[in-house]
Amino acid sequence: MDWTTFFLAMSIPSGITGFCFWLLERKLDKREKAREKKEAVREQQEYLIVKGIGAAIALGEASAIALKNGHTNGETEAALEYARRVKHEQKDFLTKQGIEAIY
């Protein structure tokens, strides 16, 4: 057996193995990027949920004060506007996620 045949016999399996590992690494990188994107979306969703809870509490508190005093005040209007703004943020976020899921 000459040296050329020997080197060829050694390099072909190594090249194939290296290519397979490269493909595997690429696939794992794609999965990791997809997982990171889903994690960022989940964090944004949780943030909006907490913000919505805060808006609901502020609106409930303003409503209770208005009932106690017998009339609405600036607090009630501000709480209502805040609740509307958060509601629209949540709706826009969920709409965006739905569109991205389709495409």
N, C-alpha and C. Protein backbone atom coordinates (compact mmCIF):
# COMPACT_ATOMS: atom_id res chain seq x y z
N MET A 1 0.84 -1.16 0.00
CA MET A 1 0.00 0.00 0.00
C MET A 1 0.90 1.25 0.00
N ASP A 2 0.64 2.15 -0.91
CA ASP A 2 1.46 3.36 -0.97
C ASP A 2 0.86 4.46 -0.09
N TRP A 3 1.61 5.54 0.06
CA TRP A 3 1.22 6.61 0.95
C TRP A 3 -0.05 7.33 0.49
N THR A 4 -0.23 7.47 -0.80
CA THR A 4 -1.40 8.16 -1.31
C THR A 4 -2.67 7.40 -0.95
N THR A 5 -2.65 6.11 -1.11
CA THR A 5 -3.81 5.29 -0.77
C THR A 5 -4.07 5.35 0.73
N PHE A 6 -3.00 5.31 1.49
CA PHE A 6 -3.13 5.37 2.94
C PHE A 6 -3.78 6.69 3.40
N PHE A 7 -3.25 7.81 2.89
CA PHE A 7 -3.82 9.11 3.27
C PHE A 7 -5.26 9.26 2.79
N LEU A 8 -5.56 8.74 1.62
CA LEU A 8 -6.92 8.79 1.10
C LEU A 8 -7.85 7.95 1.98
N ALA A 9 -7.38 6.79 2.39
CA ALA A 9 -8.18 5.91 3.24
C ALA A 9 -8.43 6.54 4.61
N MET A 10 -7.51 7.35 5.08
CA MET A 10 -7.67 7.99 6.38
C MET A 10 -8.51 9.27 6.29
N SER A 11 -8.42 10.00 5.20
CA SER A 11 -9.08 11.30 5.12
C SER A 11 -10.55 11.22 4.75
N ILE A 12 -10.95 10.24 3.97
CA ILE A 12 -12.36 10.15 3.56
C ILE A 12 -13.28 9.92 4.76
N PRO A 13 -13.04 8.95 5.63
CA PRO A 13 -13.93 8.79 6.79
C PRO A 13 -13.89 10.01 7.73
N SER A 14 -12.72 10.60 7.88
CA SER A 14 -12.62 11.79 8.74
C SER A 14 -13.42 12.94 8.15
N GLY A 15 -13.36 13.11 6.85
CA GLY A 15 -14.11 14.17 6.19
C GLY A 15 -15.60 13.95 6.32
N ILE A 16 -16.04 12.73 6.15
CA ILE A 16 -17.47 12.41 6.27
C ILE A 16 -17.94 12.64 7.71
N THR A 17 -17.15 12.21 8.67
CA THR A 17 -17.49 12.41 10.08
C THR A 17 -17.54 13.89 10.41
N GLY A 18 -16.57 14.65 9.94
CA GLY A 18 -16.56 16.09 10.18
C GLY A 18 -17.78 16.78 9.58
N PHE A 19 -18.17 16.37 8.38
CA PHE A 19 -19.34 16.94 7.73
C PHE A 19 -20.61 16.62 8.51
N CYS A 20 -20.71 15.39 9.00
CA CYS A 20 -21.88 15.00 9.80
C CYS A 20 -21.97 15.81 11.09
N PHE A 21 -20.84 16.02 11.74
CA PHE A 21 -20.85 16.83 12.96
C PHE A 21 -21.19 18.28 12.66
N TRP A 22 -20.75 18.80 11.52
CA TRP A 22 -21.08 20.16 11.13
C TRP A 22 -22.58 20.30 10.92
N LEU A 23 -23.19 19.32 10.23
CA LEU A 23 -24.64 19.33 10.02
C LEU A 23 -25.39 19.28 11.36
N LEU A 24 -24.93 18.42 12.25
CA LEU A 24 -25.55 18.29 13.56
C LEU A 24 -25.44 19.59 14.36
N GLU A 25 -24.28 20.22 14.32
CA GLU A 25 -24.08 21.47 15.03
C GLU A 25 -24.99 22.57 14.47
N ARG A 26 -25.13 22.62 13.16
CA ARG A 26 -26.02 23.61 12.54
C ARG A 26 -27.46 23.42 12.99
N LYS A 27 -27.89 22.14 13.02
CA LYS A 27 -29.26 21.84 13.45
C LYS A 27 -29.48 22.25 14.91
N LEU A 28 -28.52 21.97 15.76
CA LEU A 28 -28.62 22.34 17.16
C LEU A 28 -28.64 23.86 17.34
N ASP A 29 -27.85 24.58 16.54
CA ASP A 29 -27.87 26.05 16.61
C ASP A 29 -29.23 26.61 16.22
N LYS A 30 -29.85 26.05 15.19
CA LYS A 30 -31.18 26.50 14.77
C LYS A 30 -32.20 26.26 15.88
N ARG A 31 -32.13 25.10 16.52
CA ARG A 31 -33.05 24.80 17.62
C ARG A 31 -32.85 25.78 18.79
N GLU A 32 -31.61 26.09 19.08
CA GLU A 32 -31.31 27.00 20.18
C GLU A 32 -31.85 28.40 19.89
N LYS A 33 -31.68 28.87 18.66
CA LYS A 33 -32.20 30.19 18.29
C LYS A 33 -33.72 30.22 18.39
N ALA A 34 -34.37 29.15 17.94
CA ALA A 34 -35.83 29.08 18.02
C ALA A 34 -36.29 29.06 19.48
N ARG A 35 -35.57 28.34 20.33
CA ARG A 35 -35.92 28.28 21.75
C ARG A 35 -35.74 29.65 22.41
N GLU A 36 -34.67 30.35 22.05
CA GLU A 36 -34.44 31.68 22.61
C GLU A 36 -35.54 32.65 22.18
N LYS A 37 -35.99 32.54 20.94
CA LYS A 37 -37.05 33.42 20.46
C LYS A 37 -38.36 33.14 21.22
N LYS A 38 -38.67 31.86 21.41
CA LYS A 38 -39.88 31.50 22.15
C LYS A 38 -39.80 31.99 23.59
N GLU A 39 -38.63 31.92 24.18
CA GLU A 39 -38.44 32.38 25.55
C GLU A 39 -38.67 33.89 25.65
N ALA A 40 -38.16 34.64 24.67
CA ALA A 40 -38.37 36.09 24.67
C ALA A 40 -39.84 36.43 24.52
N VAL A 41 -40.56 35.69 23.69
CA VAL A 41 -42.00 35.92 23.50
C VAL A 41 -42.75 35.60 24.78
N ARG A 42 -42.36 34.51 25.43
CA ARG A 42 -43.02 34.13 26.69
C ARG A 42 -42.80 35.19 27.77
N GLU A 43 -41.59 35.73 27.84
CA GLU A 43 -41.31 36.78 28.82
C GLU A 43 -42.15 38.02 28.54
N GLN A 44 -42.28 38.39 27.27
CA GLN A 44 -43.11 39.55 26.91
C GLN A 44 -44.56 39.31 27.29
N GLN A 45 -45.03 38.09 27.06
CA GLN A 45 -46.42 37.76 27.39
C GLN A 45 -46.65 37.84 28.90
N GLU A 46 -45.73 37.32 29.67
CA GLU A 46 -45.86 37.39 31.13
C GLU A 46 -45.83 38.83 31.62
N TYR A 47 -44.99 39.65 31.01
CA TYR A 47 -44.93 41.08 31.36
C TYR A 47 -46.28 41.74 31.12
N LEU A 48 -46.89 41.46 29.97
CA LEU A 48 -48.18 42.06 29.66
C LEU A 48 -49.29 41.55 30.59
N ILE A 49 -49.21 40.30 30.99
CA ILE A 49 -50.20 39.77 31.93
C ILE A 49 -50.10 40.49 33.28
N VAL A 50 -48.89 40.66 33.77
CA VAL A 50 -48.69 41.35 35.05
C VAL A 50 -49.16 42.80 34.94
N LYS A 51 -48.85 43.43 33.81
CA LYS A 51 -49.29 44.80 33.59
C LYS A 51 -50.82 44.88 33.55
N GLY A 52 -51.45 43.89 32.94
CA GLY A 52 -52.92 43.84 32.89
C GLY A 52 -53.53 43.67 34.27
N ILE A 53 -52.90 42.87 35.09
CA ILE A 53 -53.38 42.69 36.47
C ILE A 53 -53.28 44.01 37.23
N GLY A 54 -52.17 44.71 37.03
CA GLY A 54 -52.01 46.01 37.68
C GLY A 54 -53.08 47.00 37.23
N ALA A 55 -53.40 46.99 35.93
CA ALA A 55 -54.43 47.88 35.40
C ALA A 55 -55.79 47.54 35.99
N ALA A 56 -56.08 46.25 36.11
CA ALA A 56 -57.36 45.82 36.68
C ALA A 56 -57.47 46.24 38.15
N ILE A 57 -56.38 46.11 38.88
CA ILE A 57 -56.39 46.52 40.29
C ILE A 57 -56.58 48.03 40.39
N ALA A 58 -55.87 48.80 39.55
CA ALA A 58 -56.01 50.26 39.59
C ALA A 58 -57.43 50.68 39.25
N LEU A 59 -58.02 50.02 38.28
CA LEU A 59 -59.40 50.36 37.91
C LEU A 59 -60.38 49.97 39.02
N GLY A 60 -60.17 48.82 39.63
CA GLY A 60 -61.02 48.41 40.74
C GLY A 60 -60.91 49.36 41.93
N GLU A 61 -59.70 49.79 42.22
CA GLU A 61 -59.49 50.72 43.32
C GLU A 61 -60.15 52.06 43.03
N ALA A 62 -59.98 52.56 41.81
CA ALA A 62 -60.60 53.83 41.43
C ALA A 62 -62.13 53.73 41.47
N SER A 63 -62.65 52.59 41.04
CA SER A 63 -64.11 52.38 41.08
C SER A 63 -64.62 52.35 42.52
N ALA A 64 -63.88 51.70 43.40
CA ALA A 64 -64.29 51.64 44.81
C ALA A 64 -64.28 53.03 45.44
N ILE A 65 -63.27 53.82 45.11
CA ILE A 65 -63.21 55.19 45.64
C ILE A 65 -64.38 56.01 45.11
N ALA A 66 -64.69 55.83 43.81
CA ALA A 66 -65.80 56.57 43.22
C ALA A 66 -67.13 56.17 43.86
N LEU A 67 -67.31 54.89 44.14
CA LEU A 67 -68.53 54.43 44.81
C LEU A 67 -68.62 54.99 46.23
N LYS A 68 -67.50 55.00 46.90
CA LYS A 68 -67.48 55.49 48.29
C LYS A 68 -67.81 56.99 48.34
N ASN A 69 -67.25 57.75 47.41
CA ASN A 69 -67.46 59.20 47.40
C ASN A 69 -68.75 59.61 46.70
N GLY A 70 -69.32 58.71 45.93
CA GLY A 70 -70.57 59.02 45.24
C GLY A 70 -70.39 59.70 43.90
N HIS A 71 -69.16 59.91 43.46
CA HIS A 71 -68.93 60.52 42.15
C HIS A 71 -67.56 60.09 41.61
N THR A 72 -67.44 60.16 40.30
CA THR A 72 -66.15 59.81 39.69
C THR A 72 -65.21 61.00 39.80
N ASN A 73 -63.93 60.71 39.69
CA ASN A 73 -62.93 61.77 39.77
C ASN A 73 -61.84 61.51 38.73
N GLY A 74 -60.80 62.27 38.76
CA GLY A 74 -59.70 62.11 37.81
C GLY A 74 -59.01 60.77 37.92
N GLU A 75 -59.01 60.21 39.12
CA GLU A 75 -58.39 58.89 39.32
C GLU A 75 -59.12 57.83 38.52
N THR A 76 -60.42 57.88 38.51
CA THR A 76 -61.21 56.89 37.77
C THR A 76 -60.91 56.99 36.28
N GLU A 77 -60.87 58.22 35.76
CA GLU A 77 -60.59 58.40 34.34
C GLU A 77 -59.18 57.93 33.99
N ALA A 78 -58.22 58.23 34.85
CA ALA A 78 -56.83 57.81 34.59
C ALA A 78 -56.71 56.29 34.63
N ALA A 79 -57.37 55.66 35.59
CA ALA A 79 -57.32 54.21 35.70
C ALA A 79 -57.99 53.56 34.50
N LEU A 80 -59.09 54.13 34.06
CA LEU A 80 -59.80 53.60 32.89
C LEU A 80 -58.93 53.73 31.64
N GLU A 81 -58.26 54.86 31.47
CA GLU A 81 -57.39 55.06 30.32
C GLU A 81 -56.21 54.08 30.36
N TYR A 82 -55.65 53.89 31.55
CA TYR A 82 -54.54 52.94 31.71
C TYR A 82 -55.00 51.53 31.36
N ALA A 83 -56.16 51.13 31.83
CA ALA A 83 -56.69 49.79 31.53
C ALA A 83 -56.92 49.63 30.03
N ARG A 84 -57.44 50.65 29.38
CA ARG A 84 -57.65 50.59 27.93
C ARG A 84 -56.32 50.44 27.19
N ARG A 85 -55.32 51.22 27.60
CA ARG A 85 -54.00 51.18 26.95
C ARG A 85 -53.38 49.78 27.09
N VAL A 86 -53.44 49.21 28.28
CA VAL A 86 -52.88 47.88 28.50
C VAL A 86 -53.65 46.83 27.70
N LYS A 87 -54.96 46.97 27.64
CA LYS A 87 -55.78 46.03 26.87
C LYS A 87 -55.37 46.04 25.40
N HIS A 88 -55.14 47.23 24.87
CA HIS A 88 -54.74 47.33 23.46
C HIS A 88 -53.33 46.80 23.24
N GLU A 89 -52.43 47.00 24.19
CA GLU A 89 -51.08 46.44 24.09
C GLU A 89 -51.15 44.92 24.03
N GLN A 90 -51.95 44.32 24.92
CA GLN A 90 -52.10 42.87 24.94
C GLN A 90 -52.72 42.35 23.65
N LYS A 91 -53.75 43.04 23.16
CA LYS A 91 -54.41 42.63 21.93
C LYS A 91 -53.44 42.71 20.75
N ASP A 92 -52.67 43.80 20.66
CA ASP A 92 -51.70 43.94 19.58
C ASP A 92 -50.63 42.86 19.64
N PHE A 93 -50.15 42.56 20.84
CA PHE A 93 -49.14 41.51 21.02
C PHE A 93 -49.67 40.16 20.57
N LEU A 94 -50.87 39.82 21.02
CA LEU A 94 -51.44 38.52 20.66
C LEU A 94 -51.75 38.43 19.17
N THR A 95 -52.18 39.53 18.57
CA THR A 95 -52.42 39.55 17.13
C THR A 95 -51.12 39.33 16.38
N LYS A 96 -50.06 39.99 16.81
CA LYS A 96 -48.75 39.83 16.17
C LYS A 96 -48.27 38.38 16.27
N GLN A 97 -48.44 37.78 17.46
CA GLN A 97 -48.02 36.38 17.64
C GLN A 97 -48.84 35.45 16.77
N GLY A 98 -50.13 35.72 16.62
CA GLY A 98 -50.97 34.89 15.77
C GLY A 98 -50.56 34.98 14.31
N ILE A 99 -50.23 36.16 13.84
CA ILE A 99 -49.79 36.34 12.45
C ILE A 99 -48.46 35.62 12.23
N GLU A 100 -47.54 35.75 13.18
CA GLU A 100 -46.23 35.09 13.05
C GLU A 100 -46.39 33.57 13.07
N ALA A 101 -47.34 33.07 13.81
CA ALA A 101 -47.56 31.61 13.86
C ALA A 101 -48.10 31.10 12.53
N ILE A 102 -48.87 31.93 11.84
CA ILE A 102 -49.42 31.51 10.55
C ILE A 102 -48.33 31.44 9.50
N TYR A 103 -47.45 32.44 9.50
CA TYR A 103 -46.38 32.49 8.50
C TYR A 103 -45.12 32.05 9.09
